[in-house]
Amino acid sequence: MKRYCLALDLKDDPELIKAYDDYHKEVWPEILQSLRESGIQDMEIYRVRNRMFMIIDADDSFSFEKKAKVDAKYPENEKWEELMWKYQQALPFAKPGEKWMLMEKVFQL
C-alpha cells in the first residue's frame, strides 16, 4: 500500500467553499469508478478555511501516470475537473498548470 498526501487551495469565498463541499457529498459515480480503477483504495480530503489536504491510499499498481490514463477513459473526468477548477486555485508557489501538489513527509510517529 502506498500513501500520497497532496495540497491545494480553494478560492477564499465562503459561498464557493460551501458549493465545493456540497459537490463532494455526492461525487459523480464515474469519478469514483475512475479513482478505484486507477488503484486508489481510499481517499480523504480535509479542509481548513480554504486550504485542502488530500490523503490517497493506493495499491502497489498505482501511479499518477496510470491515473491519468484511466481518467482519459472517462469523459466525465474532464468535466469534473473543469467544474472543480471554478472553486480551486493553485498554491501560491505552484508552477503554471499545477493543481494538487504532492507533499513531502517530514515526521512519522
PDB file of N, CA and C in Angstrom:
ATOM      1  N   MET A   1       0.842  -1.176   0.000  1.00  0.00           N
ATOM      2  CA  MET A   1       0.000   0.000   0.000  1.00  0.00           C
ATOM      3  C   MET A   1       0.890   1.243   0.000  1.00  0.00           C
ATOM      4  N   LYS A   2       0.554   2.168  -0.858  1.00  0.00           N
ATOM      5  CA  LYS A   2       1.277   3.441  -0.944  1.00  0.00           C
ATOM      6  C   LYS A   2       0.373   4.543  -0.424  1.00  0.00           C
ATOM      7  N   ARG A   3       0.954   5.565   0.185  1.00  0.00           N
ATOM      8  CA  ARG A   3       0.202   6.724   0.662  1.00  0.00           C
ATOM      9  C   ARG A   3       0.800   7.980   0.022  1.00  0.00           C
ATOM     10  N   TYR A   4      -0.095   8.837  -0.456  1.00  0.00           N
ATOM     11  CA  TYR A   4       0.285  10.116  -1.045  1.00  0.00           C
ATOM     12  C   TYR A   4      -0.518  11.204  -0.351  1.00  0.00           C
ATOM     13  N   CYS A   5       0.136  12.319  -0.065  1.00  0.00           N
ATOM     14  CA  CYS A   5      -0.534  13.466   0.534  1.00  0.00           C
ATOM     15  C   CYS A   5      -0.314  14.664  -0.374  1.00  0.00           C
ATOM     16  N   LEU A   6      -1.405  15.369  -0.656  1.00  0.00           N
ATOM     17  CA  LEU A   6      -1.353  16.488  -1.600  1.00  0.00           C
ATOM     18  C   LEU A   6      -2.082  17.686  -1.010  1.00  0.00           C
ATOM     19  N   ALA A   7      -1.747  18.879  -1.500  1.00  0.00           N
ATOM     20  CA  ALA A   7      -2.381  20.106  -1.026  1.00  0.00           C
ATOM     21  C   ALA A   7      -2.832  20.957  -2.206  1.00  0.00           C
ATOM     22  N   LEU A   8      -3.869  21.727  -1.962  1.00  0.00           N
ATOM     23  CA  LEU A   8      -4.422  22.657  -2.952  1.00  0.00           C
ATOM     24  C   LEU A   8      -5.275  23.665  -2.198  1.00  0.00           C
ATOM     25  N   ASP A   9      -5.462  24.835  -2.760  1.00  0.00           N
ATOM     26  CA  ASP A   9      -6.317  25.849  -2.151  1.00  0.00           C
ATOM     27  C   ASP A   9      -7.641  25.955  -2.888  1.00  0.00           C
ATOM     28  N   LEU A  10      -8.630  26.450  -2.162  1.00  0.00           N
ATOM     29  CA  LEU A  10      -9.883  26.876  -2.768  1.00  0.00           C
ATOM     30  C   LEU A  10      -9.859  28.397  -2.840  1.00  0.00           C
ATOM     31  N   LYS A  11     -10.659  28.957  -3.714  1.00  0.00           N
ATOM     32  CA  LYS A  11     -10.827  30.407  -3.729  1.00  0.00           C
ATOM     33  C   LYS A  11     -11.430  30.792  -2.378  1.00  0.00           C
ATOM     34  N   ASP A  12     -10.919  31.851  -1.790  1.00  0.00           N
ATOM     35  CA  ASP A  12     -11.292  32.226  -0.426  1.00  0.00           C
ATOM     36  C   ASP A  12     -12.618  32.987  -0.423  1.00  0.00           C
ATOM     37  N   ASP A  13     -13.686  32.241  -0.697  1.00  0.00           N
ATOM     38  CA  ASP A  13     -15.026  32.801  -0.766  1.00  0.00           C
ATOM     39  C   ASP A  13     -15.962  31.785  -0.109  1.00  0.00           C
ATOM     40  N   PRO A  14     -16.616  32.145   0.987  1.00  0.00           N
ATOM     41  CA  PRO A  14     -17.446  31.185   1.726  1.00  0.00           C
ATOM     42  C   PRO A  14     -18.514  30.494   0.867  1.00  0.00           C
ATOM     43  N   GLU A  15     -19.125  31.194  -0.065  1.00  0.00           N
ATOM     44  CA  GLU A  15     -20.151  30.577  -0.912  1.00  0.00           C
ATOM     45  C   GLU A  15     -19.545  29.544  -1.857  1.00  0.00           C
ATOM     46  N   LEU A  16     -18.380  29.859  -2.430  1.00  0.00           N
ATOM     47  CA  LEU A  16     -17.708  28.904  -3.312  1.00  0.00           C
ATOM     48  C   LEU A  16     -17.223  27.685  -2.530  1.00  0.00           C
ATOM     49  N   ILE A  17     -16.724  27.921  -1.332  1.00  0.00           N
ATOM     50  CA  ILE A  17     -16.249  26.810  -0.495  1.00  0.00           C
ATOM     51  C   ILE A  17     -17.413  25.889  -0.145  1.00  0.00           C
ATOM     52  N   LYS A  18     -18.566  26.454   0.206  1.00  0.00           N
ATOM     53  CA  LYS A  18     -19.736  25.639   0.516  1.00  0.00           C
ATOM     54  C   LYS A  18     -20.165  24.820  -0.701  1.00  0.00           C
ATOM     55  N   ALA A  19     -20.174  25.442  -1.874  1.00  0.00           N
ATOM     56  CA  ALA A  19     -20.551  24.723  -3.094  1.00  0.00           C
ATOM     57  C   ALA A  19     -19.579  23.572  -3.355  1.00  0.00           C
ATOM     58  N   TYR A  20     -18.287  23.810  -3.172  1.00  0.00           N
ATOM     59  CA  TYR A  20     -17.278  22.769  -3.361  1.00  0.00           C
ATOM     60  C   TYR A  20     -17.532  21.611  -2.398  1.00  0.00           C
ATOM     61  N   ASP A  21     -17.765  21.942  -1.128  1.00  0.00           N
ATOM     62  CA  ASP A  21     -18.051  20.907  -0.131  1.00  0.00           C
ATOM     63  C   ASP A  21     -19.294  20.115  -0.527  1.00  0.00           C
ATOM     64  N   ASP A  22     -20.324  20.808  -0.995  1.00  0.00           N
ATOM     65  CA  ASP A  22     -21.570  20.141  -1.390  1.00  0.00           C
ATOM     66  C   ASP A  22     -21.338  19.162  -2.539  1.00  0.00           C
ATOM     67  N   TYR A  23     -20.540  19.551  -3.528  1.00  0.00           N
ATOM     68  CA  TYR A  23     -20.243  18.626  -4.631  1.00  0.00           C
ATOM     69  C   TYR A  23     -19.583  17.349  -4.117  1.00  0.00           C
ATOM     70  N   HIS A  24     -18.777  17.482  -3.080  1.00  0.00           N
ATOM     71  CA  HIS A  24     -18.057  16.316  -2.576  1.00  0.00           C
ATOM     72  C   HIS A  24     -18.900  15.436  -1.660  1.00  0.00           C
ATOM     73  N   LYS A  25     -20.127  15.848  -1.394  1.00  0.00           N
ATOM     74  CA  LYS A  25     -21.064  14.976  -0.678  1.00  0.00           C
ATOM     75  C   LYS A  25     -21.704  13.981  -1.636  1.00  0.00           C
ATOM     76  N   GLU A  26     -21.683  14.301  -2.938  1.00  0.00           N
ATOM     77  CA  GLU A  26     -22.261  13.424  -3.961  1.00  0.00           C
ATOM     78  C   GLU A  26     -21.365  13.425  -5.203  1.00  0.00           C
ATOM     79  N   VAL A  27     -20.184  12.864  -5.050  1.00  0.00           N
ATOM     80  CA  VAL A  27     -19.241  12.788  -6.171  1.00  0.00           C
ATOM     81  C   VAL A  27     -19.845  11.887  -7.249  1.00  0.00           C
ATOM     82  N   TRP A  28     -19.694  12.299  -8.502  1.00  0.00           N
ATOM     83  CA  TRP A  28     -20.257  11.542  -9.621  1.00  0.00           C
ATOM     84  C   TRP A  28     -19.731  10.108  -9.612  1.00  0.00           C
ATOM     85  N   PRO A  29     -20.593   9.135  -9.909  1.00  0.00           N
ATOM     86  CA  PRO A  29     -20.177   7.725  -9.875  1.00  0.00           C
ATOM     87  C   PRO A  29     -19.008   7.413 -10.808  1.00  0.00           C
ATOM     88  N   GLU A  30     -18.951   8.058 -11.958  1.00  0.00           N
ATOM     89  CA  GLU A  30     -17.854   7.804 -12.908  1.00  0.00           C
ATOM     90  C   GLU A  30     -16.510   8.254 -12.333  1.00  0.00           C
ATOM     91  N   ILE A  31     -16.531   9.305 -11.528  1.00  0.00           N
ATOM     92  CA  ILE A  31     -15.295   9.788 -10.886  1.00  0.00           C
ATOM     93  C   ILE A  31     -14.830   8.747  -9.869  1.00  0.00           C
ATOM     94  N   LEU A  32     -15.757   8.258  -9.069  1.00  0.00           N
ATOM     95  CA  LEU A  32     -15.415   7.235  -8.073  1.00  0.00           C
ATOM     96  C   LEU A  32     -14.893   5.971  -8.751  1.00  0.00           C
ATOM     97  N   GLN A  33     -15.518   5.557  -9.843  1.00  0.00           N
ATOM     98  CA  GLN A  33     -15.077   4.380 -10.588  1.00  0.00           C
ATOM     99  C   GLN A  33     -13.662   4.575 -11.121  1.00  0.00           C
ATOM    100  N   SER A  34     -13.400   5.749 -11.668  1.00  0.00           N
ATOM    101  CA  SER A  34     -12.081   6.058 -12.211  1.00  0.00           C
ATOM    102  C   SER A  34     -11.012   6.003 -11.114  1.00  0.00           C
ATOM    103  N   LEU A  35     -11.338   6.531  -9.951  1.00  0.00           N
ATOM    104  CA  LEU A  35     -10.387   6.503  -8.833  1.00  0.00           C
ATOM    105  C   LEU A  35     -10.058   5.063  -8.451  1.00  0.00           C
ATOM    106  N   ARG A  36     -11.095   4.261  -8.312  1.00  0.00           N
ATOM    107  CA  ARG A  36     -10.882   2.855  -7.922  1.00  0.00           C
ATOM    108  C   ARG A  36     -10.091   2.097  -8.988  1.00  0.00           C
ATOM    109  N   GLU A  37     -10.439   2.348 -10.246  1.00  0.00           N
ATOM    110  CA  GLU A  37      -9.773   1.650 -11.354  1.00  0.00           C
ATOM    111  C   GLU A  37      -8.285   1.997 -11.437  1.00  0.00           C
ATOM    112  N   SER A  38      -7.925   3.186 -10.989  1.00  0.00           N
ATOM    113  CA  SER A  38      -6.522   3.588 -11.054  1.00  0.00           C
ATOM    114  C   SER A  38      -5.690   2.984  -9.930  1.00  0.00           C
ATOM    115  N   GLY A  39      -6.363   2.308  -8.981  1.00  0.00           N
ATOM    116  CA  GLY A  39      -5.637   1.668  -7.881  1.00  0.00           C
ATOM    117  C   GLY A  39      -5.806   2.374  -6.550  1.00  0.00           C
ATOM    118  N   ILE A  40      -6.602   3.432  -6.514  1.00  0.00           N
ATOM    119  CA  ILE A  40      -6.843   4.138  -5.252  1.00  0.00           C
ATOM    120  C   ILE A  40      -7.851   3.337  -4.441  1.00  0.00           C
ATOM    121  N   GLN A  41      -7.468   3.014  -3.213  1.00  0.00           N
ATOM    122  CA  GLN A  41      -8.344   2.230  -2.345  1.00  0.00           C
ATOM    123  C   GLN A  41      -9.069   3.106  -1.331  1.00  0.00           C
ATOM    124  N   ASP A  42      -8.471   4.222  -0.992  1.00  0.00           N
ATOM    125  CA  ASP A  42      -9.107   5.149  -0.062  1.00  0.00           C
ATOM    126  C   ASP A  42      -8.600   6.550  -0.361  1.00  0.00           C
ATOM    127  N   MET A  43      -9.496   7.522  -0.254  1.00  0.00           N
ATOM    128  CA  MET A  43      -9.122   8.921  -0.468  1.00  0.00           C
ATOM    129  C   MET A  43      -9.914   9.764   0.510  1.00  0.00           C
ATOM    130  N   GLU A  44      -9.227  10.681   1.166  1.00  0.00           N
ATOM    131  CA  GLU A  44      -9.868  11.625   2.071  1.00  0.00           C
ATOM    132  C   GLU A  44      -9.369  13.019   1.728  1.00  0.00           C
ATOM    133  N   ILE A  45     -10.273  14.003   1.840  1.00  0.00           N
ATOM    134  CA  ILE A  45      -9.893  15.404   1.663  1.00  0.00           C
ATOM    135  C   ILE A  45     -10.299  16.134   2.938  1.00  0.00           C
ATOM    136  N   TYR A  46      -9.365  16.865   3.498  1.00  0.00           N
ATOM    137  CA  TYR A  46      -9.598  17.688   4.680  1.00  0.00           C
ATOM    138  C   TYR A  46      -9.431  19.148   4.269  1.00  0.00           C
ATOM    139  N   ARG A  47     -10.100  20.032   4.999  1.00  0.00           N
ATOM    140  CA  ARG A  47     -10.015  21.453   4.671  1.00  0.00           C
ATOM    141  C   ARG A  47      -9.951  22.267   5.953  1.00  0.00           C
ATOM    142  N   VAL A  48      -9.092  23.273   5.964  1.00  0.00           N
ATOM    143  CA  VAL A  48      -9.104  24.309   6.982  1.00  0.00           C
ATOM    144  C   VAL A  48      -9.196  25.623   6.213  1.00  0.00           C
ATOM    145  N   ARG A  49     -10.276  26.323   6.442  1.00  0.00           N
ATOM    146  CA  ARG A  49     -10.614  27.528   5.691  1.00  0.00           C
ATOM    147  C   ARG A  49     -10.575  27.212   4.203  1.00  0.00           C
ATOM    148  N   ASN A  50      -9.603  27.740   3.458  1.00  0.00           N
ATOM    149  CA  ASN A  50      -9.573  27.443   2.018  1.00  0.00           C
ATOM    150  C   ASN A  50      -8.399  26.536   1.616  1.00  0.00           C
ATOM    151  N   ARG A  51      -7.635  26.042   2.564  1.00  0.00           N
ATOM    152  CA  ARG A  51      -6.520  25.130   2.274  1.00  0.00           C
ATOM    153  C   ARG A  51      -6.999  23.699   2.408  1.00  0.00           C
ATOM    154  N   MET A  52      -6.715  22.888   1.391  1.00  0.00           N
ATOM    155  CA  MET A  52      -7.140  21.492   1.399  1.00  0.00           C
ATOM    156  C   MET A  52      -5.935  20.559   1.450  1.00  0.00           C
ATOM    157  N   PHE A  53      -6.188  19.396   2.034  1.00  0.00           N
ATOM    158  CA  PHE A  53      -5.185  18.358   2.194  1.00  0.00           C
ATOM    159  C   PHE A  53      -5.835  17.037   1.800  1.00  0.00           C
ATOM    160  N   MET A  54      -5.254  16.337   0.837  1.00  0.00           N
ATOM    161  CA  MET A  54      -5.791  15.071   0.351  1.00  0.00           C
ATOM    162  C   MET A  54      -4.849  13.936   0.735  1.00  0.00           C
ATOM    163  N   ILE A  55      -5.436  12.856   1.241  1.00  0.00           N
ATOM    164  CA  ILE A  55      -4.683  11.640   1.545  1.00  0.00           C
ATOM    165  C   ILE A  55      -5.187  10.551   0.607  1.00  0.00           C
ATOM    166  N   ILE A  56      -4.276   9.936  -0.120  1.00  0.00           N
ATOM    167  CA  ILE A  56      -4.596   8.836  -1.020  1.00  0.00           C
ATOM    168  C   ILE A  56      -3.862   7.598  -0.526  1.00  0.00           C
ATOM    169  N   ASP A  57      -4.614   6.523  -0.310  1.00  0.00           N
ATOM    170  CA  ASP A  57      -4.026   5.211  -0.059  1.00  0.00           C
ATOM    171  C   ASP A  57      -4.304   4.373  -1.294  1.00  0.00           C
ATOM    172  N   ALA A  58      -3.251   3.855  -1.900  1.00  0.00           N
ATOM    173  CA  ALA A  58      -3.388   3.155  -3.184  1.00  0.00           C
ATOM    174  C   ALA A  58      -2.626   1.839  -3.152  1.00  0.00           C
ATOM    175  N   ASP A  59      -3.070   0.926  -4.008  1.00  0.00           N
ATOM    176  CA  ASP A  59      -2.364  -0.345  -4.113  1.00  0.00           C
ATOM    177  C   ASP A  59      -1.045  -0.136  -4.861  1.00  0.00           C
ATOM    178  N   ASP A  60      -0.250  -1.189  -4.907  1.00  0.00           N
ATOM    179  CA  ASP A  60       1.090  -1.076  -5.486  1.00  0.00           C
ATOM    180  C   ASP A  60       1.094  -0.835  -6.988  1.00  0.00           C
ATOM    181  N   SER A  61      -0.042  -1.032  -7.652  1.00  0.00           N
ATOM    182  CA  SER A  61      -0.104  -0.785  -9.099  1.00  0.00           C
ATOM    183  C   SER A  61      -0.314   0.697  -9.424  1.00  0.00           C
ATOM    184  N   PHE A  62      -0.645   1.496  -8.420  1.00  0.00           N
ATOM    185  CA  PHE A  62      -0.981   2.904  -8.656  1.00  0.00           C
ATOM    186  C   PHE A  62       0.242   3.732  -9.053  1.00  0.00           C
ATOM    187  N   SER A  63       0.008   4.638  -9.997  1.00  0.00           N
ATOM    188  CA  SER A  63       0.946   5.722 -10.301  1.00  0.00           C
ATOM    189  C   SER A  63       0.095   6.867 -10.830  1.00  0.00           C
ATOM    190  N   PHE A  64       0.629   8.075 -10.791  1.00  0.00           N
ATOM    191  CA  PHE A  64      -0.115   9.218 -11.314  1.00  0.00           C
ATOM    192  C   PHE A  64      -0.244   9.123 -12.837  1.00  0.00           C
ATOM    193  N   GLU A  65       0.709   8.457 -13.483  1.00  0.00           N
ATOM    194  CA  GLU A  65       0.625   8.235 -14.923  1.00  0.00           C
ATOM    195  C   GLU A  65      -0.532   7.278 -15.232  1.00  0.00           C
ATOM    196  N   LYS A  66      -0.643   6.201 -14.444  1.00  0.00           N
ATOM    197  CA  LYS A  66      -1.751   5.250 -14.629  1.00  0.00           C
ATOM    198  C   LYS A  66      -3.078   5.959 -14.391  1.00  0.00           C
ATOM    199  N   LYS A  67      -3.140   6.783 -13.360  1.00  0.00           N
ATOM    200  CA  LYS A  67      -4.381   7.501 -13.064  1.00  0.00           C
ATOM    201  C   LYS A  67      -4.774   8.390 -14.240  1.00  0.00           C
ATOM    202  N   ALA A  68      -3.815   9.080 -14.847  1.00  0.00           N
ATOM    203  CA  ALA A  68      -4.111   9.941 -16.000  1.00  0.00           C
ATOM    204  C   ALA A  68      -4.676   9.131 -17.158  1.00  0.00           C
ATOM    205  N   LYS A  69      -4.124   7.940 -17.391  1.00  0.00           N
ATOM    206  CA  LYS A  69      -4.621   7.072 -18.471  1.00  0.00           C
ATOM    207  C   LYS A  69      -6.044   6.600 -18.180  1.00  0.00           C
ATOM    208  N   VAL A  70      -6.307   6.206 -16.947  1.00  0.00           N
ATOM    209  CA  VAL A  70      -7.648   5.767 -16.569  1.00  0.00           C
ATOM    210  C   VAL A  70      -8.624   6.946 -16.664  1.00  0.00           C
ATOM    211  N   ASP A  71      -8.208   8.104 -16.172  1.00  0.00           N
ATOM    212  CA  ASP A  71      -9.060   9.298 -16.240  1.00  0.00           C
ATOM    213  C   ASP A  71      -9.478   9.604 -17.674  1.00  0.00           C
ATOM    214  N   ALA A  72      -8.573   9.413 -18.609  1.00  0.00           N
ATOM    215  CA  ALA A  72      -8.842   9.724 -20.018  1.00  0.00           C
ATOM    216  C   ALA A  72      -9.945   8.841 -20.604  1.00  0.00           C
ATOM    217  N   LYS A  73     -10.186   7.682 -19.997  1.00  0.00           N
ATOM    218  CA  LYS A  73     -11.239   6.777 -20.474  1.00  0.00           C
ATOM    219  C   LYS A  73     -12.638   7.284 -20.124  1.00  0.00           C
ATOM    220  N   TYR A  74     -12.716   8.194 -19.166  1.00  0.00           N
ATOM    221  CA  TYR A  74     -14.000   8.685 -18.669  1.00  0.00           C
ATOM    222  C   TYR A  74     -14.158  10.171 -19.016  1.00  0.00           C
ATOM    223  N   PRO A  75     -15.017  10.509 -19.972  1.00  0.00           N
ATOM    224  CA  PRO A  75     -15.204  11.921 -20.335  1.00  0.00           C
ATOM    225  C   PRO A  75     -15.683  12.773 -19.157  1.00  0.00           C
ATOM    226  N   GLU A  76     -16.322  12.141 -18.190  1.00  0.00           N
ATOM    227  CA  GLU A  76     -16.813  12.868 -17.014  1.00  0.00           C
ATOM    228  C   GLU A  76     -15.666  13.458 -16.199  1.00  0.00           C
ATOM    229  N   ASN A  77     -14.489  12.829 -16.261  1.00  0.00           N
ATOM    230  CA  ASN A  77     -13.344  13.349 -15.508  1.00  0.00           C
ATOM    231  C   ASN A  77     -12.979  14.761 -15.942  1.00  0.00           C
ATOM    232  N   GLU A  78     -12.938  14.980 -17.236  1.00  0.00           N
ATOM    233  CA  GLU A  78     -12.593  16.317 -17.738  1.00  0.00           C
ATOM    234  C   GLU A  78     -13.652  17.334 -17.306  1.00  0.00           C
ATOM    235  N   LYS A  79     -14.910  16.952 -17.379  1.00  0.00           N
ATOM    236  CA  LYS A  79     -15.998  17.849 -16.960  1.00  0.00           C
ATOM    237  C   LYS A  79     -15.907  18.149 -15.470  1.00  0.00           C
ATOM    238  N   TRP A  80     -15.619  17.107 -14.664  1.00  0.00           N
ATOM    239  CA  TRP A  80     -15.484  17.280 -13.214  1.00  0.00           C
ATOM    240  C   TRP A  80     -14.327  18.219 -12.898  1.00  0.00           C
ATOM    241  N   GLU A  81     -13.182  18.008 -13.545  1.00  0.00           N
ATOM    242  CA  GLU A  81     -12.011  18.852 -13.284  1.00  0.00           C
ATOM    243  C   GLU A  81     -12.277  20.311 -13.677  1.00  0.00           C
ATOM    244  N   GLU A  82     -12.946  20.521 -14.803  1.00  0.00           N
ATOM    245  CA  GLU A  82     -13.301  21.890 -15.210  1.00  0.00           C
ATOM    246  C   GLU A  82     -14.229  22.530 -14.189  1.00  0.00           C
ATOM    247  N   LEU A  83     -15.204  21.771 -13.717  1.00  0.00           N
ATOM    248  CA  LEU A  83     -16.145  22.283 -12.724  1.00  0.00           C
ATOM    249  C   LEU A  83     -15.425  22.606 -11.421  1.00  0.00           C
ATOM    250  N   MET A  84     -14.570  21.703 -10.945  1.00  0.00           N
ATOM    251  CA  MET A  84     -13.868  21.924  -9.674  1.00  0.00           C
ATOM    252  C   MET A  84     -12.925  23.124  -9.747  1.00  0.00           C
ATOM    253  N   TRP A  85     -12.364  23.379 -10.931  1.00  0.00           N
ATOM    254  CA  TRP A  85     -11.417  24.490 -11.068  1.00  0.00           C
ATOM    255  C   TRP A  85     -12.116  25.840 -10.875  1.00  0.00           C
ATOM    256  N   LYS A  86     -13.432  25.866 -10.957  1.00  0.00           N
ATOM    257  CA  LYS A  86     -14.178  27.105 -10.665  1.00  0.00           C
ATOM    258  C   LYS A  86     -14.040  27.471  -9.191  1.00  0.00           C
ATOM    259  N   TYR A  87     -13.774  26.478  -8.358  1.00  0.00           N
ATOM    260  CA  TYR A  87     -13.679  26.664  -6.914  1.00  0.00           C
ATOM    261  C   TYR A  87     -12.233  26.629  -6.408  1.00  0.00           C
ATOM    262  N   GLN A  88     -11.371  25.956  -7.144  1.00  0.00           N
ATOM    263  CA  GLN A  88      -9.987  25.752  -6.712  1.00  0.00           C
ATOM    264  C   GLN A  88      -9.074  26.857  -7.233  1.00  0.00           C
ATOM    265  N   GLN A  89      -7.941  26.996  -6.548  1.00  0.00           N
ATOM    266  CA  GLN A  89      -6.868  27.848  -7.058  1.00  0.00           C
ATOM    267  C   GLN A  89      -5.542  27.219  -6.654  1.00  0.00           C
ATOM    268  N   ALA A  90      -4.561  27.426  -7.481  1.00  0.00           N
ATOM    269  CA  ALA A  90      -3.241  26.837  -7.229  1.00  0.00           C
ATOM    270  C   ALA A  90      -2.627  27.425  -5.968  1.00  0.00           C
ATOM    271  N   LEU A  91      -1.758  26.644  -5.349  1.00  0.00           N
ATOM    272  CA  LEU A  91      -0.992  27.165  -4.217  1.00  0.00           C
ATOM    273  C   LEU A  91      -0.123  28.327  -4.710  1.00  0.00           C
ATOM    274  N   PRO A  92       0.180  29.278  -3.837  1.00  0.00           N
ATOM    275  CA  PRO A  92       0.917  30.471  -4.274  1.00  0.00           C
ATOM    276  C   PRO A  92       2.254  30.192  -4.963  1.00  0.00           C
ATOM    277  N   PHE A  93       2.870  29.069  -4.642  1.00  0.00           N
ATOM    278  CA  PHE A  93       4.188  28.740  -5.191  1.00  0.00           C
ATOM    279  C   PHE A  93       4.124  27.701  -6.307  1.00  0.00           C
ATOM    280  N   ALA A  94       2.912  27.358  -6.755  1.00  0.00           N
ATOM    281  CA  ALA A  94       2.750  26.346  -7.808  1.00  0.00           C
ATOM    282  C   ALA A  94       3.218  26.884  -9.156  1.00  0.00           C
ATOM    283  N   LYS A  95       3.696  25.964  -9.982  1.00  0.00           N
ATOM    284  CA  LYS A  95       4.064  26.310 -11.356  1.00  0.00           C
ATOM    285  C   LYS A  95       2.789  26.431 -12.186  1.00  0.00           C
ATOM    286  N   PRO A  96       2.822  27.131 -13.300  1.00  0.00           N
ATOM    287  CA  PRO A  96       1.628  27.232 -14.149  1.00  0.00           C
ATOM    288  C   PRO A  96       1.084  25.841 -14.506  1.00  0.00           C
ATOM    289  N   GLY A  97      -0.218  25.667 -14.342  1.00  0.00           N
ATOM    290  CA  GLY A  97      -0.860  24.398 -14.661  1.00  0.00           C
ATOM    291  C   GLY A  97      -0.866  23.387 -13.528  1.00  0.00           C
ATOM    292  N   GLU A  98      -0.119  23.626 -12.454  1.00  0.00           N
ATOM    293  CA  GLU A  98      -0.088  22.697 -11.322  1.00  0.00           C
ATOM    294  C   GLU A  98      -1.317  22.899 -10.457  1.00  0.00           C
ATOM    295  N   LYS A  99      -1.948  21.795 -10.087  1.00  0.00           N
ATOM    296  CA  LYS A  99      -3.090  21.868  -9.185  1.00  0.00           C
ATOM    297  C   LYS A  99      -2.692  21.206  -7.867  1.00  0.00           C
ATOM    298  N   TRP A 100      -3.227  20.022  -7.606  1.00  0.00           N
ATOM    299  CA  TRP A 100      -2.861  19.321  -6.378  1.00  0.00           C
ATOM    300  C   TRP A 100      -1.356  19.076  -6.381  1.00  0.00           C
ATOM    301  N   MET A 101      -0.691  19.485  -5.305  1.00  0.00           N
ATOM    302  CA  MET A 101       0.759  19.342  -5.215  1.00  0.00           C
ATOM    303  C   MET A 101       1.113  18.285  -4.174  1.00  0.00           C
ATOM    304  N   LEU A 102       1.986  17.373  -4.580  1.00  0.00           N
ATOM    305  CA  LEU A 102       2.452  16.316  -3.696  1.00  0.00           C
ATOM    306  C   LEU A 102       3.243  16.918  -2.529  1.00  0.00           C
ATOM    307  N   MET A 103       2.929  16.453  -1.328  1.00  0.00           N
ATOM    308  CA  MET A 103       3.598  16.948  -0.124  1.00  0.00           C
ATOM    309  C   MET A 103       4.698  15.980   0.289  1.00  0.00           C
ATOM    310  N   GLU A 104       5.675  16.501   0.983  1.00  0.00           N
ATOM    311  CA  GLU A 104       6.783  15.691   1.489  1.00  0.00           C
ATOM    312  C   GLU A 104       6.528  15.352   2.965  1.00  0.00           C
ATOM    313  N   LYS A 105       6.701  14.079   3.304  1.00  0.00           N
ATOM    314  CA  LYS A 105       6.551  13.676   4.707  1.00  0.00           C
ATOM    315  C   LYS A 105       7.754  14.179   5.493  1.00  0.00           C
ATOM    316  N   VAL A 106       7.489  14.836   6.617  1.00  0.00           N
ATOM    317  CA  VAL A 106       8.578  15.350   7.442  1.00  0.00           C
ATOM    318  C   VAL A 106       8.616  14.726   8.844  1.00  0.00           C
ATOM    319  N   PHE A 107       7.578  13.952   9.187  1.00  0.00           N
ATOM    320  CA  PHE A 107       7.550  13.314  10.504  1.00  0.00           C
ATOM    321  C   PHE A 107       6.609  12.125  10.485  1.00  0.00           C
ATOM    322  N   GLN A 108       6.947  11.081  11.256  1.00  0.00           N
ATOM    323  CA  GLN A 108       6.045   9.960  11.488  1.00  0.00           C
ATOM    324  C   GLN A 108       6.317   9.405  12.864  1.00  0.00           C
ATOM    325  N   LEU A 109       5.301   9.179  13.641  1.00  0.00           N
ATOM    326  CA  LEU A 109       5.427   8.625  14.990  1.00  0.00           C
ATOM    327  C   LEU A 109       5.433   7.110  14.907  1.00  0.00           C
TER     328      LEU A 109
END
